[in-house]
Amino acid sequence: MNIKKIIAREGLIIIGWGLLFISSLLSKSENLLLCAIFAYPVYIIIRFIAWAIRILMSKD
């Protein structure tokens, strides 16, 4: 994949996560705040698992 597309996608994800985090702080919602705190790390873990599966399947 093109590096510019990767940077654009990751940038949009970080911006979306930041907006979710800021909106949760402004609305003082604990549920939304927990969602914002855990959304990006969970996304990174899922991407790592998908990457590992793709690598393992390509070695066969």
PDB file of N, CA and C in Angstrom:
ATOM      1  N   MET A   1       0.841  -1.174   0.000  1.00  0.00           N
ATOM      2  CA  MET A   1       0.000   0.000   0.000  1.00  0.00           C
ATOM      3  C   MET A   1       0.889   1.241   0.000  1.00  0.00           C
ATOM      4  N   ASN A   2       0.413   2.262  -0.645  1.00  0.00           N
ATOM      5  CA  ASN A   2       1.153   3.504  -0.748  1.00  0.00           C
ATOM      6  C   ASN A   2       1.305   4.143   0.632  1.00  0.00           C
ATOM      7  N   ILE A   3       2.484   4.677   0.916  1.00  0.00           N
ATOM      8  CA  ILE A   3       2.766   5.248   2.237  1.00  0.00           C
ATOM      9  C   ILE A   3       1.880   6.453   2.516  1.00  0.00           C
ATOM     10  N   LYS A   4       1.540   7.234   1.486  1.00  0.00           N
ATOM     11  CA  LYS A   4       0.668   8.394   1.692  1.00  0.00           C
ATOM     12  C   LYS A   4      -0.727   7.959   2.122  1.00  0.00           C
ATOM     13  N   LYS A   5      -1.217   6.855   1.567  1.00  0.00           N
ATOM     14  CA  LYS A   5      -2.531   6.348   1.955  1.00  0.00           C
ATOM     15  C   LYS A   5      -2.513   5.840   3.395  1.00  0.00           C
ATOM     16  N   ILE A   6      -1.426   5.195   3.782  1.00  0.00           N
ATOM     17  CA  ILE A   6      -1.305   4.694   5.156  1.00  0.00           C
ATOM     18  C   ILE A   6      -1.281   5.858   6.138  1.00  0.00           C
ATOM     19  N   ILE A   7      -0.497   6.881   5.834  1.00  0.00           N
ATOM     20  CA  ILE A   7      -0.410   8.040   6.720  1.00  0.00           C
ATOM     21  C   ILE A   7      -1.754   8.749   6.806  1.00  0.00           C
ATOM     22  N   ALA A   8      -2.445   8.886   5.675  1.00  0.00           N
ATOM     23  CA  ALA A   8      -3.754   9.541   5.674  1.00  0.00           C
ATOM     24  C   ALA A   8      -4.758   8.746   6.498  1.00  0.00           C
ATOM     25  N   ARG A   9      -4.762   7.431   6.344  1.00  0.00           N
ATOM     26  CA  ARG A   9      -5.707   6.598   7.091  1.00  0.00           C
ATOM     27  C   ARG A   9      -5.434   6.665   8.586  1.00  0.00           C
ATOM     28  N   GLU A  10      -4.174   6.528   8.968  1.00  0.00           N
ATOM     29  CA  GLU A  10      -3.835   6.588  10.392  1.00  0.00           C
ATOM     30  C   GLU A  10      -4.122   7.974  10.963  1.00  0.00           C
ATOM     31  N   GLY A  11      -3.874   9.003  10.179  1.00  0.00           N
ATOM     32  CA  GLY A  11      -4.172  10.362  10.639  1.00  0.00           C
ATOM     33  C   GLY A  11      -5.649  10.570  10.879  1.00  0.00           C
ATOM     34  N   LEU A  12      -6.481  10.070   9.979  1.00  0.00           N
ATOM     35  CA  LEU A  12      -7.928  10.194  10.167  1.00  0.00           C
ATOM     36  C   LEU A  12      -8.397   9.417  11.386  1.00  0.00           C
ATOM     37  N   ILE A  13      -7.809   8.262  11.618  1.00  0.00           N
ATOM     38  CA  ILE A  13      -8.185   7.466  12.793  1.00  0.00           C
ATOM     39  C   ILE A  13      -7.800   8.202  14.070  1.00  0.00           C
ATOM     40  N   ILE A  14      -6.617   8.781  14.102  1.00  0.00           N
ATOM     41  CA  ILE A  14      -6.185   9.518  15.294  1.00  0.00           C
ATOM     42  C   ILE A  14      -7.042  10.763  15.502  1.00  0.00           C
ATOM     43  N   ILE A  15      -7.399  11.457  14.419  1.00  0.00           N
ATOM     44  CA  ILE A  15      -8.270  12.626  14.537  1.00  0.00           C
ATOM     45  C   ILE A  15      -9.639  12.215  15.066  1.00  0.00           C
ATOM     46  N   GLY A  16     -10.183  11.128  14.540  1.00  0.00           N
ATOM     47  CA  GLY A  16     -11.480  10.640  15.023  1.00  0.00           C
ATOM     48  C   GLY A  16     -11.418  10.250  16.485  1.00  0.00           C
ATOM     49  N   TRP A  17     -10.349   9.585  16.883  1.00  0.00           N
ATOM     50  CA  TRP A  17     -10.182   9.204  18.284  1.00  0.00           C
ATOM     51  C   TRP A  17     -10.066  10.444  19.159  1.00  0.00           C
ATOM     52  N   GLY A  18      -9.338  11.430  18.700  1.00  0.00           N
ATOM     53  CA  GLY A  18      -9.198  12.678  19.457  1.00  0.00           C
ATOM     54  C   GLY A  18     -10.517  13.410  19.612  1.00  0.00           C
ATOM     55  N   LEU A  19     -11.312  13.448  18.539  1.00  0.00           N
ATOM     56  CA  LEU A  19     -12.625  14.090  18.625  1.00  0.00           C
ATOM     57  C   LEU A  19     -13.538  13.356  19.598  1.00  0.00           C
ATOM     58  N   LEU A  20     -13.505  12.028  19.575  1.00  0.00           N
ATOM     59  CA  LEU A  20     -14.299  11.247  20.519  1.00  0.00           C
ATOM     60  C   LEU A  20     -13.854  11.528  21.948  1.00  0.00           C
ATOM     61  N   PHE A  21     -12.560  11.603  22.169  1.00  0.00           N
ATOM     62  CA  PHE A  21     -12.024  11.863  23.502  1.00  0.00           C
ATOM     63  C   PHE A  21     -12.409  13.258  23.985  1.00  0.00           C
ATOM     64  N   ILE A  22     -12.262  14.264  23.123  1.00  0.00           N
ATOM     65  CA  ILE A  22     -12.598  15.642  23.505  1.00  0.00           C
ATOM     66  C   ILE A  22     -14.091  15.791  23.754  1.00  0.00           C
ATOM     67  N   SER A  23     -14.917  15.187  22.893  1.00  0.00           N
ATOM     68  CA  SER A  23     -16.362  15.300  23.100  1.00  0.00           C
ATOM     69  C   SER A  23     -16.793  14.604  24.386  1.00  0.00           C
ATOM     70  N   SER A  24     -16.126  13.526  24.740  1.00  0.00           N
ATOM     71  CA  SER A  24     -16.469  12.849  25.994  1.00  0.00           C
ATOM     72  C   SER A  24     -16.055  13.690  27.199  1.00  0.00           C
ATOM     73  N   LEU A  25     -14.946  14.397  27.076  1.00  0.00           N
ATOM     74  CA  LEU A  25     -14.539  15.275  28.179  1.00  0.00           C
ATOM     75  C   LEU A  25     -15.489  16.459  28.322  1.00  0.00           C
ATOM     76  N   LEU A  26     -15.950  16.997  27.190  1.00  0.00           N
ATOM     77  CA  LEU A  26     -16.855  18.145  27.244  1.00  0.00           C
ATOM     78  C   LEU A  26     -18.234  17.762  27.764  1.00  0.00           C
ATOM     79  N   SER A  27     -18.701  16.569  27.411  1.00  0.00           N
ATOM     80  CA  SER A  27     -20.033  16.152  27.852  1.00  0.00           C
ATOM     81  C   SER A  27     -20.010  15.489  29.223  1.00  0.00           C
ATOM     82  N   LYS A  28     -18.818  15.232  29.755  1.00  0.00           N
ATOM     83  CA  LYS A  28     -18.632  14.599  31.065  1.00  0.00           C
ATOM     84  C   LYS A  28     -19.356  13.256  31.154  1.00  0.00           C
ATOM     85  N   SER A  29     -19.251  12.485  30.087  1.00  0.00           N
ATOM     86  CA  SER A  29     -19.869  11.161  30.051  1.00  0.00           C
ATOM     87  C   SER A  29     -18.801  10.113  30.333  1.00  0.00           C
ATOM     88  N   GLU A  30     -18.984   9.347  31.410  1.00  0.00           N
ATOM     89  CA  GLU A  30     -17.986   8.333  31.763  1.00  0.00           C
ATOM     90  C   GLU A  30     -17.946   7.203  30.740  1.00  0.00           C
ATOM     91  N   ASN A  31     -19.111   6.803  30.228  1.00  0.00           N
ATOM     92  CA  ASN A  31     -19.145   5.711  29.256  1.00  0.00           C
ATOM     93  C   ASN A  31     -18.433   6.102  27.965  1.00  0.00           C
ATOM     94  N   LEU A  32     -18.687   7.315  27.493  1.00  0.00           N
ATOM     95  CA  LEU A  32     -18.038   7.783  26.273  1.00  0.00           C
ATOM     96  C   LEU A  32     -16.545   7.972  26.504  1.00  0.00           C
ATOM     97  N   LEU A  33     -16.176   8.409  27.702  1.00  0.00           N
ATOM     98  CA  LEU A  33     -14.759   8.588  28.021  1.00  0.00           C
ATOM     99  C   LEU A  33     -14.030   7.249  28.016  1.00  0.00           C
ATOM    100  N   LEU A  34     -14.638   6.221  28.602  1.00  0.00           N
ATOM    101  CA  LEU A  34     -14.021   4.888  28.575  1.00  0.00           C
ATOM    102  C   LEU A  34     -13.896   4.374  27.149  1.00  0.00           C
ATOM    103  N   CYS A  35     -14.918   4.615  26.350  1.00  0.00           N
ATOM    104  CA  CYS A  35     -14.876   4.203  24.942  1.00  0.00           C
ATOM    105  C   CYS A  35     -13.727   4.909  24.228  1.00  0.00           C
ATOM    106  N   ALA A  36     -13.568   6.200  24.482  1.00  0.00           N
ATOM    107  CA  ALA A  36     -12.507   6.964  23.829  1.00  0.00           C
ATOM    108  C   ALA A  36     -11.133   6.503  24.283  1.00  0.00           C
ATOM    109  N   ILE A  37     -11.007   6.189  25.565  1.00  0.00           N
ATOM    110  CA  ILE A  37      -9.696   5.778  26.078  1.00  0.00           C
ATOM    111  C   ILE A  37      -9.271   4.436  25.486  1.00  0.00           C
ATOM    112  N   PHE A  38     -10.210   3.502  25.358  1.00  0.00           N
ATOM    113  CA  PHE A  38      -9.856   2.151  24.922  1.00  0.00           C
ATOM    114  C   PHE A  38      -9.995   1.923  23.418  1.00  0.00           C
ATOM    115  N   ALA A  39     -10.597   2.852  22.682  1.00  0.00           N
ATOM    116  CA  ALA A  39     -10.868   2.620  21.264  1.00  0.00           C
ATOM    117  C   ALA A  39      -9.584   2.477  20.450  1.00  0.00           C
ATOM    118  N   TYR A  40      -8.648   3.401  20.588  1.00  0.00           N
ATOM    119  CA  TYR A  40      -7.455   3.361  19.750  1.00  0.00           C
ATOM    120  C   TYR A  40      -6.520   2.206  20.105  1.00  0.00           C
ATOM    121  N   PRO A  41      -6.236   1.940  21.383  1.00  0.00           N
ATOM    122  CA  PRO A  41      -5.386   0.776  21.687  1.00  0.00           C
ATOM    123  C   PRO A  41      -5.989  -0.545  21.216  1.00  0.00           C
ATOM    124  N   VAL A  42      -7.301  -0.688  21.340  1.00  0.00           N
ATOM    125  CA  VAL A  42      -7.954  -1.916  20.864  1.00  0.00           C
ATOM    126  C   VAL A  42      -7.819  -2.019  19.353  1.00  0.00           C
ATOM    127  N   TYR A  43      -7.960  -0.896  18.658  1.00  0.00           N
ATOM    128  CA  TYR A  43      -7.798  -0.887  17.206  1.00  0.00           C
ATOM    129  C   TYR A  43      -6.379  -1.320  16.818  1.00  0.00           C
ATOM    130  N   ILE A  44      -5.377  -0.832  17.527  1.00  0.00           N
ATOM    131  CA  ILE A  44      -3.987  -1.205  17.241  1.00  0.00           C
ATOM    132  C   ILE A  44      -3.774  -2.700  17.467  1.00  0.00           C
ATOM    133  N   ILE A  45      -4.336  -3.238  18.546  1.00  0.00           N
ATOM    134  CA  ILE A  45      -4.196  -4.670  18.833  1.00  0.00           C
ATOM    135  C   ILE A  45      -4.858  -5.503  17.743  1.00  0.00           C
ATOM    136  N   ILE A  46      -6.052  -5.114  17.314  1.00  0.00           N
ATOM    137  CA  ILE A  46      -6.753  -5.855  16.253  1.00  0.00           C
ATOM    138  C   ILE A  46      -5.970  -5.787  14.949  1.00  0.00           C
ATOM    139  N   ARG A  47      -5.405  -4.627  14.626  1.00  0.00           N
ATOM    140  CA  ARG A  47      -4.602  -4.517  13.402  1.00  0.00           C
ATOM    141  C   ARG A  47      -3.364  -5.392  13.481  1.00  0.00           C
ATOM    142  N   PHE A  48      -2.722  -5.464  14.649  1.00  0.00           N
ATOM    143  CA  PHE A  48      -1.541  -6.302  14.811  1.00  0.00           C
ATOM    144  C   PHE A  48      -1.906  -7.772  14.624  1.00  0.00           C
ATOM    145  N   ILE A  49      -3.027  -8.202  15.196  1.00  0.00           N
ATOM    146  CA  ILE A  49      -3.464  -9.595  15.041  1.00  0.00           C
ATOM    147  C   ILE A  49      -3.746  -9.894  13.574  1.00  0.00           C
ATOM    148  N   ALA A  50      -4.430  -8.986  12.888  1.00  0.00           N
ATOM    149  CA  ALA A  50      -4.720  -9.188  11.465  1.00  0.00           C
ATOM    150  C   ALA A  50      -3.430  -9.240  10.650  1.00  0.00           C
ATOM    151  N   TRP A  51      -2.468  -8.385  10.977  1.00  0.00           N
ATOM    152  CA  TRP A  51      -1.187  -8.392  10.279  1.00  0.00           C
ATOM    153  C   TRP A  51      -0.459  -9.713  10.510  1.00  0.00           C
ATOM    154  N   ALA A  52      -0.463 -10.198  11.759  1.00  0.00           N
ATOM    155  CA  ALA A  52       0.218 -11.459  12.068  1.00  0.00           C
ATOM    156  C   ALA A  52      -0.430 -12.629  11.335  1.00  0.00           C
ATOM    157  N   ILE A  53      -1.747 -12.653  11.280  1.00  0.00           N
ATOM    158  CA  ILE A  53      -2.449 -13.723  10.561  1.00  0.00           C
ATOM    159  C   ILE A  53      -2.115 -13.667   9.079  1.00  0.00           C
ATOM    160  N   ARG A  54      -2.082 -12.454   8.516  1.00  0.00           N
ATOM    161  CA  ARG A  54      -1.753 -12.307   7.096  1.00  0.00           C
ATOM    162  C   ARG A  54      -0.339 -12.799   6.813  1.00  0.00           C
ATOM    163  N   ILE A  55       0.607 -12.482   7.687  1.00  0.00           N
ATOM    164  CA  ILE A  55       1.992 -12.931   7.515  1.00  0.00           C
ATOM    165  C   ILE A  55       2.075 -14.452   7.612  1.00  0.00           C
ATOM    166  N   LEU A  56       1.420 -15.032   8.612  1.00  0.00           N
ATOM    167  CA  LEU A  56       1.470 -16.484   8.789  1.00  0.00           C
ATOM    168  C   LEU A  56       0.827 -17.219   7.619  1.00  0.00           C
ATOM    169  N   MET A  57      -0.257 -16.688   7.082  1.00  0.00           N
ATOM    170  CA  MET A  57      -0.931 -17.356   5.967  1.00  0.00           C
ATOM    171  C   MET A  57      -0.134 -17.224   4.673  1.00  0.00           C
ATOM    172  N   SER A  58       0.641 -16.153   4.526  1.00  0.00           N
ATOM    173  CA  SER A  58       1.414 -15.980   3.298  1.00  0.00           C
ATOM    174  C   SER A  58       2.647 -16.881   3.275  1.00  0.00           C
ATOM    175  N   LYS A  59       3.086 -17.391   4.410  1.00  0.00           N
ATOM    176  CA  LYS A  59       4.263 -18.261   4.468  1.00  0.00           C
ATOM    177  C   LYS A  59       3.960 -19.689   4.019  1.00  0.00           C
ATOM    178  N   ASP A  60       2.688 -20.058   3.955  1.00  0.00           N
ATOM    179  CA  ASP A  60       2.328 -21.439   3.585  1.00  0.00           C
ATOM    180  C   ASP A  60       2.659 -21.787   2.171  1.00  0.00           C
TER     181      ASP A  60
END
